[in-house]
Amino acid sequence: MARSANVNDSSSYCLSSQPLTSTSFSKWSPTNSTGYLTPTLRAAWVTGTFLQNVSQQLVKTVGRAINFRSEPPSRPPLSEAEFRCYMDGLGRIVHPLDFYQNVYLRGIEVSLRKVAWRILLKIYPAEFSGNERRAFLLKKIEKYELSKRTWKQAYREGRLTKTQVNAITLACVDVVRTDRNHPFYHGGNNQRVSQLFSILATYAIYNPGIGYHQGMSNLASLLLYVQDGEGAAYACLCALMRRLAPKFAPRQDQITMITQMQHLHDLLVYTDYNMAQFLRMHNLGNMFFTERWLLLELIREFPFEEALHISEVQWAAIALVASNWPDVGSDALYSQLSSEQSFITFEAEDMHYTQCDTNLINSLIGDEFKYIHPCTNGTENVVVPPSIHSPSHKSQATKSIHEGDPVHMKDWIVELPSPDALGGGSNPFLLFICVSMILEYKGEILEKVHEVCDLFHLFQTYNKRHKLESILDRARDLFDAYLKDQEMKRRSILDCSNWNIHNA
């Protein structure tokens, strides 16, 4: 089907270029320009005086965002008709930035999510035609089915290694309690639960450098729901984990989380000094209370449907910012982790498993692949997963981020890291949503929080009851102001460098 391409494909984007309402924040730019990357700004000579004016405008914008309390009107999600406008006649995405920007501002219509998520997660290149995307995905699905059958057969024959059994047992424990109240998982035969298990177990076995960790089931559940098929959901999970894997990988997870908490602390100090100092006074400045927010990118904090929305908005923000800061959302660290993974092998002989493990796994793996315990009179050579049967299930080499105080408390922040460094560069917009979440309850926090447990209780009380649009709009406004400021600084450095070269 021929598709029109009537949307201008500009290389200049302001993340919040569409007007909000009369009560929305005033634009950051003194001239109400259309964005932080407009041709005018690209050509501007940024002097010290101009940067000072920029900083003053930024302070005003941040102040308005902090005090934002009105209910923003909801925007209609991106429709299929609009989506076609971003394609050419062959179905290639020829206006990707327009697509990303509208998803960032509005989200995606339910019927469009299946295809749109694959593009946002970069399962295949944007320049692929519709036919090329279908053929590429079909190969991914075929590869998944072969991999899944291979490890399931090895399980049935008793040839999984101790580490492999450990990983899929952990996945079993989690999937049976993930999103079970959602209608998608209703039904007596547990078909959807079995699909979720197969996706996670296959990922864990074929990515031994990462394996399975608690929380991954929540990520995979959203993907399975939207894709409505194991193979496509698995391809999406692999793409998503290329960015998120450092949060779960042994030896790297603590570094990644500490970096994000440190930068979240810095961002709050920069945005609302008084709020940051209040948290610090109550031993909350280390931001440990945001650990789950950062690990799972807030999907556990909102109802299921809203978790879908906040996920796609974040992915679109990553893609938009990466168009000018290429290292944002980079999978370089994942590639390093992947190169450290060992070749996938299974045991040559039947290792025997514990009855406890096989009861769990057999309930989800499918009748064809169930493991039958051999009849023995002596003691079996069993595989005991330490993460389930031993109290010391975590690696002794991995220290908890809660031991000591790895987040450095700061009295003042002069400037923030660039987008490709903020929070490790994986998802800088996430930190702004977290700050917006805190500011949403600023009044209650100042009034009700007297000790550490009070803040945990407050956010637990509002869990899955947050005002999503209010939080997102504040986050977008703060993020847009930050990006404009960063672009001005980058242009200033570049122009000064060019001037020095010209006058050398």
Protein backbone atom coordinates (compact mmCIF):
# COMPACT_ATOMS: atom_id res chain seq x y z
CA MET A 1 0.00 0.00 0.00
CA ALA A 2 1.39 3.38 -0.97
CA ARG A 3 1.84 5.73 1.88
CA SER A 4 2.21 9.50 1.74
CA ALA A 5 5.12 11.24 3.39
CA ASN A 6 3.82 14.71 4.04
CA VAL A 7 5.59 15.43 7.31
CA ASN A 8 8.66 17.64 7.09
CA ASP A 9 11.78 15.76 8.11
CA SER A 10 13.80 18.42 9.87
CA SER A 11 17.02 17.67 11.67
CA SER A 12 16.03 20.14 14.38
CA TYR A 13 13.79 19.03 17.22
CA CYS A 14 12.54 20.44 20.47
CA LEU A 15 11.26 17.62 22.63
CA SER A 16 8.27 19.65 23.79
CA SER A 17 7.73 21.71 20.66
CA GLN A 18 3.96 21.36 20.72
CA PRO A 19 2.18 23.95 22.87
CA LEU A 20 0.60 22.60 26.02
CA THR A 21 -2.01 24.93 27.52
CA SER A 22 -2.30 28.52 28.69
CA THR A 23 -1.35 27.31 32.15
CA SER A 24 1.68 25.40 30.91
CA PHE A 25 5.21 26.42 31.52
CA SER A 26 6.58 29.38 29.57
CA LYS A 27 9.09 28.42 26.93
CA TRP A 28 12.69 28.27 28.00
CA SER A 29 14.00 30.22 25.03
CA PRO A 30 13.62 34.03 25.31
CA THR A 31 12.51 34.13 21.68
CA ASN A 32 10.04 31.21 21.97
CA SER A 33 12.00 29.36 19.31
CA THR A 34 10.69 26.01 18.11
CA GLY A 35 13.43 24.05 19.83
CA TYR A 36 16.84 23.64 21.28
CA LEU A 37 18.21 22.35 17.98
CA THR A 38 16.73 24.90 15.56
CA PRO A 39 18.91 26.26 12.75
CA THR A 40 18.90 29.65 14.50
CA LEU A 41 20.45 28.16 17.62
CA ARG A 42 22.90 26.11 15.61
CA ALA A 43 24.19 29.27 13.93
CA ALA A 44 24.21 31.43 17.05
CA TRP A 45 27.46 32.78 18.51
CA VAL A 46 27.13 31.95 22.19
CA THR A 47 28.88 34.55 24.33
CA GLY A 48 29.36 34.58 28.08
CA THR A 49 26.58 37.16 28.48
CA PHE A 50 24.19 35.04 26.44
CA LEU A 51 24.97 31.95 28.51
CA GLN A 52 24.27 33.96 31.65
CA ASN A 53 20.86 34.93 30.25
CA VAL A 54 20.27 31.30 29.31
CA SER A 55 20.97 30.20 32.87
CA GLN A 56 18.58 32.82 34.25
CA GLN A 57 15.82 31.61 31.93
CA LEU A 58 16.57 28.01 32.95
CA VAL A 59 16.14 28.91 36.62
CA LYS A 60 12.74 30.47 35.85
CA THR A 61 11.61 27.39 33.92
CA VAL A 62 12.72 25.04 36.69
CA GLY A 63 10.91 27.18 39.24
CA ARG A 64 7.66 26.97 37.30
CA ALA A 65 8.06 23.22 36.87
CA ILE A 66 8.58 22.71 40.60
CA ASN A 67 5.38 24.58 41.43
CA PHE A 68 3.33 23.01 38.63
CA ARG A 69 0.05 21.74 40.02
CA SER A 70 -2.62 22.05 37.31
CA GLU A 71 -4.04 18.99 35.57
CA PRO A 72 -2.60 18.92 32.03
CA PRO A 73 -5.02 17.88 29.30
CA SER A 74 -4.36 14.45 27.83
CA ARG A 75 -3.11 14.36 24.25
CA PRO A 76 -4.49 11.79 21.82
CA PRO A 77 -1.95 9.03 21.17
CA LEU A 78 -0.22 8.65 17.84
CA SER A 79 -2.61 6.98 15.37
CA GLU A 80 -1.99 4.50 12.57
CA ALA A 81 -2.93 7.13 9.98
CA GLU A 82 -0.30 9.50 11.35
CA PHE A 83 2.25 6.70 11.53
CA ARG A 84 1.85 6.02 7.80
CA CYS A 85 2.87 9.61 7.12
CA TYR A 86 6.34 8.83 8.43
CA MET A 87 6.83 6.10 5.80
CA ASP A 88 7.48 6.01 2.09
CA GLY A 89 5.66 3.78 -0.37
CA LEU A 90 7.74 0.75 0.63
CA GLY A 91 7.05 1.15 4.33
CA ARG A 92 10.48 2.55 5.22
CA ILE A 93 10.59 5.03 8.10
CA VAL A 94 11.75 8.19 6.33
CA HIS A 95 10.79 10.64 9.08
CA PRO A 96 12.03 8.85 12.22
CA LEU A 97 12.49 11.99 14.34
CA ASP A 98 8.91 13.10 13.73
CA PHE A 99 7.81 9.65 14.83
CA TYR A 100 9.97 9.69 17.97
CA GLN A 101 8.89 13.19 18.90
CA ASN A 102 5.19 12.45 18.69
CA VAL A 103 5.54 9.25 20.69
CA TYR A 104 7.53 11.18 23.30
CA LEU A 105 4.76 13.77 23.59
CA ARG A 106 1.69 11.59 23.13
CA GLY A 107 2.35 7.87 23.33
CA ILE A 108 1.02 5.30 20.87
CA GLU A 109 -2.44 4.07 19.94
CA VAL A 110 -3.05 0.53 21.19
CA SER A 111 -3.46 -0.98 17.71
CA LEU A 112 -0.12 0.51 16.61
CA ARG A 113 2.02 -0.61 19.53
CA LYS A 114 3.01 -4.02 18.19
CA VAL A 115 4.84 -2.54 15.19
CA ALA A 116 5.87 0.75 16.79
CA TRP A 117 7.57 -0.89 19.77
CA ARG A 118 9.76 -2.97 17.47
CA ILE A 119 10.94 0.24 15.82
CA LEU A 120 11.45 2.08 19.12
CA LEU A 121 13.47 -0.84 20.47
CA LYS A 122 15.46 -0.97 17.23
CA ILE A 123 14.86 -4.65 16.49
CA TYR A 124 15.59 -3.78 12.88
CA PRO A 125 16.99 -0.70 11.14
CA ALA A 126 14.55 2.13 10.38
CA GLU A 127 15.53 2.02 6.70
CA PHE A 128 14.09 -1.49 6.29
CA SER A 129 10.99 -1.71 4.13
CA GLY A 130 7.83 -3.36 5.41
CA ASN A 131 8.69 -6.62 3.64
CA GLU A 132 12.25 -6.56 4.95
CA ARG A 133 11.01 -6.05 8.51
CA ARG A 134 8.64 -8.99 8.25
CA ALA A 135 11.33 -11.27 6.82
CA PHE A 136 13.85 -10.16 9.43
CA LEU A 137 11.42 -10.75 12.30
CA LEU A 138 10.47 -14.16 10.93
CA LYS A 139 14.13 -15.22 11.05
CA LYS A 140 14.36 -13.97 14.64
CA ILE A 141 11.29 -16.00 15.58
CA GLU A 142 12.62 -19.15 13.89
CA LYS A 143 15.93 -18.80 15.71
CA TYR A 144 14.09 -18.36 19.01
CA GLU A 145 11.98 -21.48 18.47
CA LEU A 146 15.09 -23.54 17.69
CA SER A 147 16.97 -22.22 20.72
CA LYS A 148 14.00 -22.83 23.00
CA ARG A 149 13.52 -26.39 21.80
CA THR A 150 17.25 -27.13 22.19
CA TRP A 151 17.47 -26.16 25.85
CA LYS A 152 14.11 -27.75 26.71
CA GLN A 153 15.27 -31.04 25.24
CA ALA A 154 18.50 -30.78 27.24
CA TYR A 155 16.40 -30.23 30.36
CA ARG A 156 14.24 -33.28 29.63
CA GLU A 157 17.40 -35.37 29.28
CA GLY A 158 18.81 -34.03 32.55
CA ARG A 159 21.71 -32.22 30.86
CA LEU A 160 21.27 -28.64 32.05
CA THR A 161 24.14 -27.32 34.14
CA LYS A 162 23.79 -26.20 37.74
CA THR A 163 23.86 -22.54 36.69
CA GLN A 164 21.23 -23.09 34.01
CA VAL A 165 18.87 -24.90 36.37
CA ASN A 166 19.40 -22.16 38.92
CA ALA A 167 18.46 -19.46 36.41
CA ILE A 168 15.30 -21.05 35.07
CA THR A 169 14.13 -21.99 38.57
CA LEU A 170 14.38 -18.33 39.56
CA ALA A 171 12.38 -17.43 36.46
CA CYS A 172 9.73 -19.98 37.45
CA VAL A 173 9.32 -18.44 40.88
CA ASP A 174 8.80 -14.95 39.42
CA VAL A 175 6.57 -15.61 36.42
CA VAL A 176 3.83 -17.31 38.43
CA ARG A 177 3.27 -14.07 40.35
CA THR A 178 3.90 -11.47 37.62
CA ASP A 179 0.85 -9.41 36.61
CA ARG A 180 -1.45 -12.28 37.56
CA ASN A 181 -4.38 -9.92 38.17
CA HIS A 182 -4.33 -8.77 34.56
CA PRO A 183 -6.90 -10.47 32.28
CA PHE A 184 -4.10 -11.38 29.86
CA TYR A 185 -2.88 -13.99 32.35
CA HIS A 186 -6.27 -15.36 33.34
CA GLY A 187 -7.15 -18.94 32.49
CA GLY A 188 -6.67 -22.31 34.07
CA ASN A 189 -4.07 -23.71 31.66
CA ASN A 190 -1.47 -20.99 32.40
CA GLN A 191 -0.61 -20.70 28.68
CA ARG A 192 0.52 -17.07 28.94
CA VAL A 193 2.51 -17.79 32.09
CA SER A 194 4.24 -20.67 30.30
CA GLN A 195 5.05 -18.36 27.39
CA LEU A 196 6.53 -15.79 29.75
CA PHE A 197 8.63 -18.50 31.40
CA SER A 198 9.91 -19.78 28.05
CA ILE A 199 10.98 -16.28 26.99
CA LEU A 200 12.87 -15.59 30.22
CA ALA A 201 14.42 -19.04 30.50
CA THR A 202 15.64 -18.93 26.90
CA TYR A 203 17.17 -15.51 27.48
CA ALA A 204 18.86 -16.61 30.71
CA ILE A 205 20.38 -19.74 29.19
CA TYR A 206 21.66 -18.08 26.03
CA ASN A 207 22.91 -14.97 27.85
CA PRO A 208 24.84 -16.53 30.75
CA GLY A 209 26.76 -13.32 31.44
CA ILE A 210 23.44 -11.81 32.55
CA GLY A 211 21.22 -14.79 33.38
CA TYR A 212 17.92 -14.13 35.10
CA HIS A 213 17.31 -11.59 37.86
CA GLN A 214 14.23 -10.48 39.72
CA GLY A 215 12.34 -7.79 37.85
CA MET A 216 13.10 -9.07 34.36
CA SER A 217 9.72 -10.83 34.37
CA ASN A 218 7.96 -7.46 34.69
CA LEU A 219 9.82 -6.14 31.65
CA ALA A 220 9.10 -9.25 29.59
CA SER A 221 5.44 -9.27 30.62
CA LEU A 222 4.77 -5.90 28.98
CA LEU A 223 6.51 -7.05 25.81
CA LEU A 224 4.59 -10.34 25.63
CA TYR A 225 1.29 -8.52 26.15
CA VAL A 226 1.92 -6.05 23.34
CA GLN A 227 3.53 -8.49 20.88
CA ASP A 228 1.08 -11.31 21.72
CA GLY A 229 3.62 -13.89 20.58
CA GLU A 230 6.69 -15.51 22.12
CA GLY A 231 9.16 -15.02 19.29
CA ALA A 232 8.47 -11.33 18.72
CA ALA A 233 8.41 -10.67 22.48
CA TYR A 234 11.75 -12.44 22.85
CA ALA A 235 13.26 -10.31 20.09
CA CYS A 236 11.99 -7.20 21.89
CA LEU A 237 13.40 -8.40 25.22
CA CYS A 238 16.83 -9.00 23.69
CA ALA A 239 16.76 -5.50 22.18
CA LEU A 240 15.66 -3.91 25.47
CA MET A 241 18.24 -5.80 27.50
CA ARG A 242 21.05 -4.52 25.28
CA ARG A 243 20.52 -1.23 27.11
CA LEU A 244 19.36 -2.49 30.52
CA ALA A 245 21.71 -5.47 30.97
CA PRO A 246 24.37 -3.52 32.92
CA LYS A 247 21.78 -3.00 35.69
CA PHE A 248 21.44 -6.76 36.07
CA ALA A 249 24.90 -8.09 35.20
CA PRO A 250 27.08 -9.26 38.12
CA ARG A 251 30.03 -6.95 38.90
CA GLN A 252 28.48 -4.18 36.80
CA ASP A 253 25.02 -3.73 38.35
CA GLN A 254 26.23 -1.91 41.47
CA ILE A 255 28.31 0.57 39.45
CA THR A 256 25.39 1.33 37.15
CA MET A 257 22.84 1.81 39.93
CA ILE A 258 25.18 3.94 42.06
CA THR A 259 25.88 6.19 39.07
CA GLN A 260 22.17 6.67 38.47
CA MET A 261 21.46 7.39 42.14
CA GLN A 262 24.36 9.83 42.33
CA HIS A 263 23.17 11.73 39.27
CA LEU A 264 19.58 11.66 40.51
CA HIS A 265 20.78 13.24 43.76
CA ASP A 266 22.72 15.86 41.77
CA LEU A 267 19.71 16.58 39.55
CA LEU A 268 17.44 17.11 42.55
CA VAL A 269 19.99 19.46 44.16
CA TYR A 270 20.20 21.35 40.86
CA THR A 271 16.42 21.46 40.42
CA ASP A 272 15.11 21.97 43.96
CA TYR A 273 17.85 22.63 46.48
CA ASN A 274 15.47 22.84 49.45
CA MET A 275 13.84 19.50 48.66
CA ALA A 276 17.24 17.86 48.26
CA GLN A 277 18.46 19.24 51.58
CA PHE A 278 15.28 18.09 53.33
CA LEU A 279 15.87 14.53 52.11
CA ARG A 280 19.49 14.75 53.14
CA MET A 281 18.51 15.91 56.63
CA HIS A 282 16.33 12.80 56.97
CA ASN A 283 18.99 10.37 55.69
CA LEU A 284 17.27 10.03 52.32
CA GLY A 285 19.68 12.01 50.17
CA ASN A 286 21.34 8.81 48.94
CA MET A 287 18.20 8.10 46.87
CA PHE A 288 18.05 4.44 47.90
CA PHE A 289 14.27 4.75 47.93
CA THR A 290 14.36 5.08 44.12
CA GLU A 291 16.21 1.79 43.53
CA ARG A 292 13.19 0.00 42.04
CA TRP A 293 12.26 3.08 40.00
CA LEU A 294 15.67 3.12 38.36
CA LEU A 295 16.08 -0.63 37.94
CA LEU A 296 12.76 -1.21 36.15
CA GLU A 297 12.33 2.30 34.73
CA LEU A 298 9.17 2.95 36.78
CA ILE A 299 6.98 0.22 35.28
CA ARG A 300 6.15 -1.18 38.75
CA GLU A 301 4.97 2.22 39.98
CA PHE A 302 2.01 2.57 37.59
CA PRO A 303 -0.99 0.44 36.56
CA PHE A 304 -0.35 -1.97 33.69
CA GLU A 305 -1.75 0.24 30.90
CA GLU A 306 0.10 3.31 32.17
CA ALA A 307 3.30 1.26 32.42
CA LEU A 308 2.98 0.60 28.69
CA HIS A 309 2.67 4.35 28.06
CA ILE A 310 5.56 5.46 30.26
CA SER A 311 7.81 2.82 28.67
CA GLU A 312 7.22 3.94 25.09
CA VAL A 313 7.62 7.61 26.04
CA GLN A 314 11.03 6.87 27.57
CA TRP A 315 12.17 4.85 24.56
CA ALA A 316 11.16 7.68 22.24
CA ALA A 317 13.06 10.19 24.39
CA ILE A 318 16.18 8.02 24.16
CA ALA A 319 15.90 7.85 20.36
CA LEU A 320 15.34 11.60 20.06
CA VAL A 321 18.28 12.59 22.22
CA ALA A 322 20.52 9.99 20.56
CA SER A 323 20.00 11.76 17.23
CA ASN A 324 22.25 14.53 18.57
CA TRP A 325 24.12 12.69 21.36
CA PRO A 326 24.84 9.32 19.69
CA ASP A 327 26.16 7.66 22.84
CA VAL A 328 22.79 8.01 24.61
CA GLY A 329 21.23 4.55 24.93
CA SER A 330 24.46 2.97 23.71
CA ASP A 331 24.85 -0.80 23.96
CA ALA A 332 28.66 -0.67 24.10
CA LEU A 333 28.76 -2.03 27.65
CA TYR A 334 26.35 -4.81 26.71
CA SER A 335 28.62 -5.77 23.82
CA GLN A 336 31.49 -5.99 26.29
CA LEU A 337 29.43 -8.18 28.60
CA SER A 338 28.39 -10.37 25.67
CA SER A 339 32.00 -10.87 24.62
CA GLU A 340 32.74 -12.16 28.12
CA GLN A 341 30.02 -14.82 27.92
CA SER A 342 31.09 -18.40 27.59
CA PHE A 343 29.98 -20.67 24.76
CA ILE A 344 26.63 -22.29 25.54
CA THR A 345 27.08 -25.93 26.53
CA PHE A 346 24.98 -28.60 28.18
CA GLU A 347 26.11 -31.57 30.27
CA ALA A 348 26.91 -34.78 28.43
CA GLU A 349 25.14 -36.98 30.99
CA ASP A 350 22.04 -36.88 33.15
CA MET A 351 22.85 -34.69 36.17
CA HIS A 352 19.57 -35.31 38.00
CA TYR A 353 17.66 -32.37 39.45
CA THR A 354 15.96 -31.82 42.79
CA GLN A 355 12.29 -32.71 43.07
CA CYS A 356 11.56 -29.14 44.14
CA ASP A 357 13.06 -27.72 40.95
CA THR A 358 11.38 -30.15 38.60
CA ASN A 359 7.99 -29.58 40.18
CA LEU A 360 8.28 -25.88 39.37
CA ILE A 361 9.81 -26.25 35.92
CA ASN A 362 7.61 -29.17 34.82
CA SER A 363 4.51 -27.12 35.59
CA LEU A 364 5.51 -24.53 32.96
CA ILE A 365 7.77 -26.19 30.41
CA GLY A 366 5.13 -28.22 28.56
CA ASP A 367 4.26 -31.93 28.63
CA GLU A 368 6.69 -32.81 25.83
CA PHE A 369 9.71 -31.65 27.81
CA LYS A 370 8.93 -32.69 31.37
CA TYR A 371 11.78 -34.28 33.28
CA ILE A 372 11.05 -37.68 34.82
CA HIS A 373 13.15 -38.58 37.84
CA PRO A 374 14.92 -41.94 37.52
CA CYS A 375 14.14 -44.53 40.17
CA THR A 376 17.17 -44.79 42.46
CA ASN A 377 17.71 -46.32 45.87
CA GLY A 378 20.82 -44.33 46.80
CA THR A 379 21.45 -40.66 47.22
CA GLU A 380 20.96 -38.77 44.00
CA ASN A 381 23.61 -36.51 42.50
CA VAL A 382 21.38 -33.45 42.68
CA VAL A 383 21.76 -29.93 41.43
CA VAL A 384 20.87 -27.51 44.21
CA PRO A 385 20.39 -23.91 43.11
CA PRO A 386 21.99 -21.80 45.84
CA SER A 387 19.70 -18.88 45.08
CA ILE A 388 16.69 -20.91 46.19
CA HIS A 389 17.97 -23.37 48.77
CA SER A 390 20.83 -21.50 50.39
CA PRO A 391 20.62 -18.35 52.49
CA SER A 392 23.83 -17.00 50.97
CA HIS A 393 22.46 -17.00 47.44
CA LYS A 394 24.16 -13.82 46.29
CA SER A 395 27.76 -13.73 45.15
CA GLN A 396 30.04 -12.77 48.00
CA ALA A 397 31.97 -10.63 45.53
CA THR A 398 28.97 -8.39 44.94
CA LYS A 399 28.42 -5.86 47.70
CA SER A 400 25.04 -4.25 48.16
CA ILE A 401 24.72 -0.62 47.22
CA HIS A 402 23.22 -0.17 50.68
CA GLU A 403 26.48 -1.05 52.45
CA GLY A 404 28.05 2.26 53.42
CA ASP A 405 26.93 5.39 51.60
CA PRO A 406 28.25 5.31 48.02
CA VAL A 407 26.20 8.35 46.95
CA HIS A 408 28.17 11.52 47.65
CA MET A 409 26.02 14.24 49.22
CA LYS A 410 26.57 17.64 47.61
CA ASP A 411 25.69 21.11 48.84
CA TRP A 412 25.59 22.68 45.42
CA ILE A 413 25.59 21.63 41.76
CA VAL A 414 26.96 24.14 39.26
CA GLU A 415 26.21 22.08 36.16
CA LEU A 416 24.95 18.65 35.22
CA PRO A 417 26.65 15.99 33.09
CA SER A 418 25.84 15.92 29.39
CA PRO A 419 22.99 13.63 28.19
CA ASP A 420 25.42 10.90 27.15
CA ALA A 421 26.83 10.80 30.69
CA LEU A 422 23.81 11.63 32.86
CA GLY A 423 22.75 8.46 34.65
CA GLY A 424 25.33 6.57 32.64
CA GLY A 425 23.80 7.79 29.37
CA SER A 426 21.38 4.87 29.22
CA ASN A 427 18.16 6.82 29.75
CA PRO A 428 18.67 10.42 30.95
CA PHE A 429 14.95 11.21 30.77
CA LEU A 430 14.28 8.58 33.46
CA LEU A 431 16.04 10.74 36.05
CA PHE A 432 13.80 13.69 35.22
CA ILE A 433 10.69 11.54 35.67
CA CYS A 434 12.03 10.44 39.06
CA VAL A 435 12.60 14.06 40.10
CA SER A 436 9.10 14.91 38.90
CA MET A 437 7.72 12.02 40.99
CA ILE A 438 9.39 13.49 44.07
CA LEU A 439 8.20 17.02 43.31
CA GLU A 440 4.65 15.77 42.74
CA TYR A 441 4.47 15.03 46.47
CA LYS A 442 6.69 17.83 47.72
CA GLY A 443 4.05 19.25 50.08
CA GLU A 444 3.26 15.87 51.62
CA ILE A 445 6.92 14.96 51.93
CA LEU A 446 7.76 18.17 53.79
CA GLU A 447 4.76 17.70 56.06
CA LYS A 448 4.72 13.96 56.74
CA VAL A 449 8.26 12.63 56.40
CA HIS A 450 10.13 12.55 59.70
CA GLU A 451 12.23 9.42 59.21
CA VAL A 452 13.33 7.12 56.43
CA CYS A 453 10.39 4.71 56.60
CA ASP A 454 7.90 7.57 56.21
CA LEU A 455 8.98 8.26 52.64
CA PHE A 456 8.88 4.60 51.68
CA HIS A 457 5.39 4.40 53.16
CA LEU A 458 4.25 7.52 51.28
CA PHE A 459 5.31 6.20 47.89
CA GLN A 460 3.93 2.76 48.68
CA THR A 461 0.59 4.39 49.47
CA TYR A 462 0.54 6.07 46.06
CA ASN A 463 1.88 3.05 44.18
CA LYS A 464 -0.11 2.61 40.94
CA ARG A 465 -2.13 5.73 41.83
CA HIS A 466 0.25 8.42 40.57
CA LYS A 467 -0.98 11.16 38.22
CA LEU A 468 0.94 10.04 35.17
CA GLU A 469 0.32 13.01 32.86
CA SER A 470 1.13 15.55 35.55
CA ILE A 471 4.39 13.77 36.33
CA LEU A 472 5.34 13.35 32.67
CA ASP A 473 4.58 16.95 31.71
CA ARG A 474 6.72 18.31 34.53
CA ALA A 475 9.50 15.89 33.58
CA ARG A 476 9.33 16.90 29.92
CA ASP A 477 9.54 20.58 30.76
CA LEU A 478 12.56 20.11 33.00
CA PHE A 479 14.20 17.79 30.47
CA ASP A 480 13.65 20.19 27.58
CA ALA A 481 15.18 23.06 29.56
CA TYR A 482 18.16 20.87 30.44
CA LEU A 483 18.71 19.84 26.82
CA LYS A 484 18.56 23.43 25.62
CA ASP A 485 21.11 24.43 28.22
CA GLN A 486 23.38 21.52 27.25
CA GLU A 487 23.11 22.39 23.56
CA MET A 488 24.02 26.01 24.24
CA LYS A 489 27.09 24.93 26.18
CA ARG A 490 28.12 22.51 23.49
CA ARG A 491 27.72 25.15 20.79
CA SER A 492 29.69 27.64 22.88
CA ILE A 493 32.60 25.21 23.24
CA LEU A 494 32.50 24.33 19.54
CA ASP A 495 32.37 27.97 18.44
CA CYS A 496 35.22 28.95 20.76
CA SER A 497 37.24 26.02 19.44
CA ASN A 498 36.58 27.08 15.85
CA TRP A 499 37.53 30.66 16.70
CA ASN A 500 40.81 29.52 18.23
CA ILE A 501 41.62 27.40 15.19
CA HIS A 502 40.75 30.27 12.84
CA ASN A 503 42.94 32.73 14.76
CA ALA A 504 45.82 30.39 15.51
